[in-house]
């Protein structure tokens, strides 16, 4: 279907174009409010000055699209593939972008206030000079993502994993980073982080936390070899391939945690909850698992050498 046919059918009253193949489609200066483009392939399309307010683009393919001066207010873009996009001057306020894939992409000078970006998977991408005030980016995975000169005030980033995330020039005042997983964040010195909620967020490197922040007062959890993490809630934490030997995890909640190929030697896991945890390849040399909950835990290729098992027995595999 080409742009002329789409416009003609829309103007005749048709709204449901779900599943259509619209690769390389070019649209400009047109209103398509409330159109249904769910599961549509719009890869490499070019949209300029298009009104897609209240549109349904759920499960659409938007790979490498070029979009400028276009509005998606209150639109449904959940489960959308945004890989390789180049979007400028876009209004995505109140849009639903739940569970999107945002890889090798750029969104510039755009409005994402109160947008829902929960469970976003972002890799090697940039938000440049965007307004994300009040947006929900919780439970997301951000790897090598830049927020350059963005307004992130009152943003919900709880339970989000940060790996090589850069915050230069951004406003994070009153943002919620509770239970965040901070594997690498930089650019705090040029960001506004007044009132950020770090409660129960964990971090691996003190350099990833603003120097003016007192970790204990902020409720931050520092994880390193020898840490005392007894009783802490680290459910679903991704600590894979980390060197955290000799840690006190007694009575800690590590349910669903990823501890694959992690050095847990000499670690105290007494009474820990490891239900559904991934311990594949973990080094449990001289660790204590006494009374630990290992229901449905993945222990494939784990190293057992003088390890105290939940029943108190000693296990050493040759």
Protein backbone atom coordinates (compact mmCIF):
# COMPACT_ATOMS: atom_id res chain seq x y z
CA UNK A 1 0.00 0.00 0.00
CA UNK A 2 1.35 3.42 -0.94
CA UNK A 3 0.71 6.74 0.80
CA UNK A 4 -1.96 7.88 -1.66
CA UNK A 5 -4.05 4.74 -1.10
CA UNK A 6 -3.66 4.96 2.66
CA UNK A 7 -4.75 8.61 2.73
CA UNK A 8 -7.67 8.00 0.35
CA UNK A 9 -9.01 5.11 2.44
CA UNK A 10 -8.53 7.02 5.69
CA UNK A 11 -10.34 10.08 4.37
CA UNK A 12 -13.17 7.79 3.25
CA UNK A 13 -13.65 6.80 6.89
CA UNK A 14 -11.51 3.66 7.17
CA UNK A 15 -9.42 3.47 10.34
CA UNK A 16 -8.20 -0.12 10.65
CA UNK A 17 -4.98 -0.76 8.73
CA UNK A 18 -3.56 -3.28 11.18
CA UNK A 19 -0.97 -5.65 9.76
CA UNK A 20 -0.41 -3.63 6.59
CA UNK A 21 2.98 -3.52 4.90
CA UNK A 22 4.01 0.11 4.67
CA UNK A 23 7.79 -0.05 4.38
CA UNK A 24 9.38 3.09 2.94
CA UNK A 25 6.06 4.94 3.24
CA UNK A 26 6.39 8.72 3.00
CA UNK A 27 3.77 10.94 4.62
CA UNK A 28 3.75 14.68 5.24
CA UNK A 29 1.33 17.36 6.39
CA UNK A 30 -1.55 14.97 7.07
CA UNK A 31 -3.78 14.13 10.06
CA UNK A 32 -4.31 10.42 10.80
CA UNK A 33 -5.77 10.69 14.28
CA UNK A 34 -7.06 7.46 15.85
CA UNK A 35 -5.77 5.33 12.98
CA UNK A 36 -5.10 1.67 13.77
CA UNK A 37 -1.61 0.72 12.58
CA UNK A 38 -1.05 -2.13 15.01
CA UNK A 39 1.42 -4.78 13.80
CA UNK A 40 2.16 -2.64 10.74
CA UNK A 41 5.60 -2.69 9.12
CA UNK A 42 6.66 0.94 8.78
CA UNK A 43 10.38 0.23 8.54
CA UNK A 44 12.36 3.03 6.89
CA UNK A 45 9.25 5.18 6.54
CA UNK A 46 9.57 8.97 6.53
CA UNK A 47 6.97 11.01 8.38
CA UNK A 48 6.96 14.79 8.48
CA UNK A 49 4.29 16.96 10.12
CA UNK A 50 1.93 14.01 10.62
CA UNK A 51 -0.77 13.94 13.31
CA UNK A 52 -0.94 10.46 14.86
CA UNK A 53 -2.61 11.44 18.11
CA UNK A 54 -4.52 8.59 19.77
CA UNK A 55 -3.25 6.21 17.07
CA UNK A 56 -2.66 2.52 17.75
CA UNK A 57 0.81 1.43 16.62
CA UNK A 58 1.24 -1.42 19.09
CA UNK A 59 3.59 -4.19 17.90
CA UNK A 60 4.54 -2.13 14.85
CA UNK A 61 7.94 -2.27 13.18
CA UNK A 62 9.41 1.24 13.06
CA UNK A 63 13.00 0.24 12.33
CA UNK A 64 15.13 3.07 10.89
CA UNK A 65 12.19 5.43 10.52
CA UNK A 66 12.84 9.14 10.05
CA UNK A 67 10.21 11.22 11.81
CA UNK A 68 10.08 14.99 12.21
CA UNK A 69 7.53 17.44 13.64
CA UNK A 70 5.04 14.65 14.20
CA UNK A 71 2.65 14.12 17.13
CA UNK A 72 1.86 10.84 18.89
CA UNK A 73 -0.05 12.30 21.83
CA UNK A 74 -1.84 9.56 23.80
CA UNK A 75 -0.82 7.05 21.10
CA UNK A 76 -0.23 3.35 21.77
CA UNK A 77 3.30 2.39 20.72
CA UNK A 78 3.69 -0.53 23.10
CA UNK A 79 5.92 -3.44 22.06
CA UNK A 80 7.28 -1.39 19.15
CA UNK A 81 10.71 -1.91 17.57
CA UNK A 82 12.42 1.49 17.44
CA UNK A 83 15.83 0.23 16.36
CA UNK A 84 17.85 2.74 14.34
CA UNK A 85 15.25 5.51 14.41
CA UNK A 86 16.03 9.18 13.91
CA UNK A 87 13.20 11.28 15.37
CA UNK A 88 13.21 15.05 15.83
CA UNK A 89 10.71 17.49 17.33
CA UNK A 90 8.23 14.75 18.22
CA UNK A 91 5.35 15.03 20.71
CA UNK A 92 4.99 11.73 22.56
CA UNK A 93 3.30 13.17 25.63
CA UNK A 94 1.18 10.58 27.47
CA UNK A 95 2.08 7.98 24.84
CA UNK A 96 2.32 4.30 25.78
CA UNK A 97 5.79 3.00 24.83
CA UNK A 98 5.77 -0.01 27.14
CA UNK A 99 8.27 -2.76 26.30
CA UNK A 100 9.88 -0.97 23.35
CA UNK A 101 13.25 -1.80 21.82
CA UNK A 102 15.28 1.39 21.47
CA UNK A 103 18.66 0.38 20.00
CA UNK A 104 21.13 2.50 17.99
CA UNK A 105 18.54 5.27 17.96
CA UNK A 106 18.15 9.00 18.55
CA UNK A 107 15.24 11.15 19.70
CA UNK A 108 16.03 14.88 19.63
CA UNK A 109 14.20 17.93 20.99
CA UNK A 110 11.07 15.97 21.74
CA UNK A 111 8.28 15.96 24.32
CA UNK A 112 7.81 12.73 26.28
CA UNK A 113 6.13 14.19 29.35
CA UNK A 114 4.19 11.54 31.27
CA UNK A 115 5.01 8.93 28.62
CA UNK A 116 5.03 5.29 29.69
CA UNK A 117 8.37 3.68 28.79
CA UNK A 118 8.32 0.86 31.32
CA UNK A 119 10.41 -2.20 30.41
CA UNK A 120 12.22 -0.30 27.66
CA UNK A 121 15.32 -2.04 26.34
CA UNK A 122 17.75 0.67 25.24
CA UNK A 123 21.21 0.08 23.78
CA UNK A 124 23.68 2.59 22.29
CA UNK A 125 21.04 5.27 21.96
CA UNK A 126 20.49 8.94 22.78
CA UNK A 127 17.78 11.22 24.11
CA UNK A 128 19.01 14.72 23.26
CA UNK A 129 17.34 17.81 24.74
CA UNK A 130 14.11 15.93 25.42
CA UNK A 131 11.46 16.69 28.04
CA UNK A 132 10.68 13.48 29.95
CA UNK A 133 9.09 15.12 32.98
CA UNK A 134 6.94 12.62 34.84
CA UNK A 135 7.73 9.78 32.42
CA UNK A 136 7.73 6.18 33.67
CA UNK A 137 10.94 4.37 32.67
CA UNK A 138 10.83 1.81 35.46
CA UNK A 139 11.93 -1.82 35.07
CA UNK A 140 13.98 -0.89 31.99
CA UNK A 141 17.44 -1.91 30.80
CA UNK A 142 19.59 1.01 29.68
CA UNK A 143 22.99 0.17 28.26
CA UNK A 144 25.19 2.86 26.70
CA UNK A 145 22.28 5.30 26.66
CA UNK A 146 22.89 9.05 26.79
CA UNK A 147 20.48 11.58 28.28
CA UNK A 148 22.01 14.81 27.03
CA UNK A 149 20.48 18.02 28.41
CA UNK A 150 17.18 16.30 29.17
CA UNK A 151 14.50 17.18 31.70
CA UNK A 152 14.08 14.02 33.79
CA UNK A 153 12.44 15.67 36.76
CA UNK A 154 9.93 13.46 38.59
CA UNK A 155 10.79 10.54 36.29
CA UNK A 156 10.22 7.01 37.58
CA UNK A 157 13.44 5.04 37.02
CA UNK A 158 12.85 2.54 39.80
CA UNK A 159 14.02 -1.04 39.26
CA UNK A 160 15.91 0.08 36.13
CA UNK A 161 19.35 -1.25 35.23
CA UNK A 162 21.95 1.39 34.31
CA UNK A 163 25.06 0.29 32.45
CA UNK A 164 27.23 3.02 30.93
CA UNK A 165 24.46 5.62 31.13
CA UNK A 166 25.46 9.29 30.75
CA UNK A 167 23.46 12.14 32.30
CA UNK A 168 25.38 15.24 31.20
CA UNK A 169 23.41 18.47 31.62
CA UNK A 170 20.18 16.74 32.61
CA UNK A 171 17.70 17.62 35.34
CA UNK A 172 16.88 14.63 37.55
CA UNK A 173 15.32 16.57 40.41
CA UNK A 174 12.92 14.40 42.41
CA UNK A 175 13.48 11.42 40.11
CA UNK A 176 12.80 7.98 41.58
CA UNK A 177 15.80 5.60 41.33
CA UNK A 178 14.68 3.32 44.14
CA UNK A 179 15.70 -0.31 43.67
CA UNK A 180 17.73 0.71 40.60
CA UNK A 181 20.67 -1.43 39.54
CA UNK A 182 23.59 0.94 38.97
CA UNK A 183 26.33 -0.86 37.08
CA UNK A 184 27.77 2.37 35.60
CA UNK A 185 26.42 5.96 35.53
CA UNK A 186 28.42 9.09 34.77
CA UNK A 187 27.86 12.80 34.25
CA UNK A 188 26.45 13.57 37.71
CA UNK A 189 28.76 16.57 38.07
CA UNK A 190 26.83 18.37 35.32
CA UNK A 191 23.37 17.15 36.32
CA UNK A 192 20.75 18.34 38.82
CA UNK A 193 20.02 15.45 41.19
CA UNK A 194 18.32 17.38 43.99
CA UNK A 195 15.74 15.22 45.75
CA UNK A 196 16.54 11.98 43.87
CA UNK A 197 15.20 8.90 45.65
CA UNK A 198 18.02 6.31 45.81
CA UNK A 199 16.33 4.11 48.43
CA UNK A 200 17.40 0.47 48.09
CA UNK A 201 19.26 1.13 44.83
CA UNK A 202 22.49 -0.84 44.60
CA UNK A 203 25.77 0.14 43.02
CA UNK A 204 29.12 -1.52 42.30
CA UNK A 205 31.47 1.48 42.13
CA UNK A 206 31.47 4.50 44.51
CA UNK A 207 32.41 6.64 41.52
CA UNK A 208 28.93 6.05 40.10
CA UNK A 209 27.30 8.01 42.93
CA UNK A 210 27.45 11.83 43.26
CA UNK A 211 30.18 12.72 45.72
CA UNK A 212 27.80 14.91 47.76
CA UNK A 213 25.44 11.99 48.38
CA UNK A 214 25.84 10.06 51.64
CA UNK A 215 25.06 6.49 50.55
CA UNK A 216 23.90 5.41 54.00
CA UNK A 217 21.55 8.36 54.40
CA UNK A 218 20.25 7.85 50.86
CA UNK A 219 19.56 4.18 51.48
CA UNK A 220 21.99 3.03 48.78
CA UNK A 221 23.44 -0.48 48.87
CA UNK A 222 27.12 -0.89 47.99
CA UNK A 223 27.96 -4.33 46.64
CA UNK A 224 31.57 -5.46 46.58
CA UNK A 225 33.72 -8.28 47.92
CA UNK A 226 33.28 -8.47 51.68
CA UNK A 227 30.08 -6.40 51.85
CA UNK A 228 27.53 -6.94 54.62
CA UNK A 229 24.26 -7.42 52.74
CA UNK A 230 22.49 -9.54 55.30
CA UNK A 231 18.72 -9.25 55.06
CA UNK A 232 18.81 -7.04 51.97
CA UNK A 233 16.22 -7.29 49.21
CA UNK A 234 18.14 -7.97 46.00
CA UNK A 235 15.43 -9.88 44.20
CA UNK A 236 15.96 -10.04 40.43
CA UNK A 237 19.32 -8.26 40.76
CA UNK A 238 21.73 -8.83 37.88
CA UNK A 239 25.08 -9.56 39.53
CA UNK A 240 26.32 -11.90 36.84
CA UNK A 241 30.09 -12.24 36.36
CA UNK A 242 30.85 -9.99 39.35
CA UNK A 243 33.62 -10.61 41.90
CA UNK A 244 31.71 -10.45 45.18
CA UNK A 245 33.39 -13.15 47.22
CA UNK A 246 33.16 -13.18 51.02
CA UNK A 247 29.86 -11.25 51.03
CA UNK A 248 27.36 -11.74 53.86
CA UNK A 249 24.08 -12.55 52.10
CA UNK A 250 22.57 -14.28 55.12
CA UNK A 251 18.76 -13.88 55.23
CA UNK A 252 18.92 -11.86 52.00
CA UNK A 253 16.26 -12.06 49.30
CA UNK A 254 17.99 -13.08 46.06
CA UNK A 255 14.97 -14.65 44.44
CA UNK A 256 15.20 -14.43 40.66
CA UNK A 257 18.68 -12.91 40.87
CA UNK A 258 21.19 -13.48 38.08
CA UNK A 259 24.38 -14.77 39.74
CA UNK A 260 25.68 -16.68 36.75
CA UNK A 261 29.48 -16.99 36.66
CA UNK A 262 29.68 -14.80 39.78
CA UNK A 263 32.48 -15.33 42.29
CA UNK A 264 30.57 -16.27 45.45
CA UNK A 265 33.43 -18.07 47.13
CA UNK A 266 33.53 -17.78 50.92
CA UNK A 267 30.08 -16.16 50.76
CA UNK A 268 27.52 -16.57 53.53
CA UNK A 269 24.14 -17.44 52.00
CA UNK A 270 22.67 -18.89 55.17
CA UNK A 271 18.85 -18.64 55.14
CA UNK A 272 19.01 -16.72 51.84
CA UNK A 273 16.11 -16.92 49.41
CA UNK A 274 17.57 -18.09 46.08
CA UNK A 275 14.34 -19.32 44.57
CA UNK A 276 14.47 -19.09 40.74
CA UNK A 277 17.97 -17.60 40.96
CA UNK A 278 20.47 -18.24 38.17
CA UNK A 279 23.66 -19.70 39.66
CA UNK A 280 24.89 -21.21 36.42
CA UNK A 281 28.69 -21.35 36.57
CA UNK A 282 28.84 -19.53 39.91
CA UNK A 283 31.86 -20.23 42.12
CA UNK A 284 30.50 -21.48 45.46
CA UNK A 285 33.83 -22.57 46.89
CA UNK A 286 33.56 -22.66 50.71
CA UNK A 287 30.24 -20.81 50.55
CA UNK A 288 27.47 -21.55 53.04
CA UNK A 289 24.02 -22.38 51.67
CA UNK A 290 22.75 -23.71 54.97
CA UNK A 291 18.94 -23.47 55.15
CA UNK A 292 18.93 -21.51 51.87
CA UNK A 293 15.90 -21.76 49.57
CA UNK A 294 17.14 -23.18 46.25
CA UNK A 295 13.74 -24.03 44.76
CA UNK A 296 13.97 -23.87 40.95
CA UNK A 297 17.46 -22.34 41.15
CA UNK A 298 19.75 -23.01 38.18
CA UNK A 299 22.88 -24.69 39.54
CA UNK A 300 24.24 -25.95 36.22
CA UNK A 301 28.05 -25.85 36.09
CA UNK A 302 28.25 -24.21 39.52
CA UNK A 303 31.50 -24.91 41.37
CA UNK A 304 31.02 -26.79 44.65
CA UNK A 305 34.20 -27.11 46.71
CA UNK A 306 33.72 -27.57 50.45
CA UNK A 307 30.33 -25.89 50.05
CA UNK A 308 27.81 -26.17 52.88
CA UNK A 309 24.51 -27.26 51.34
CA UNK A 310 21.01 -26.37 52.64
CA UNK A 311 20.79 -29.59 54.66
CA UNK A 312 24.15 -28.90 56.32
CA UNK A 313 26.09 -31.47 54.29
CA UNK A 314 29.41 -30.60 52.66
CA UNK A 315 29.59 -30.86 48.86
CA UNK A 316 32.80 -31.04 46.85
CA UNK A 317 32.64 -31.95 43.16
CA UNK A 318 35.70 -33.25 41.40
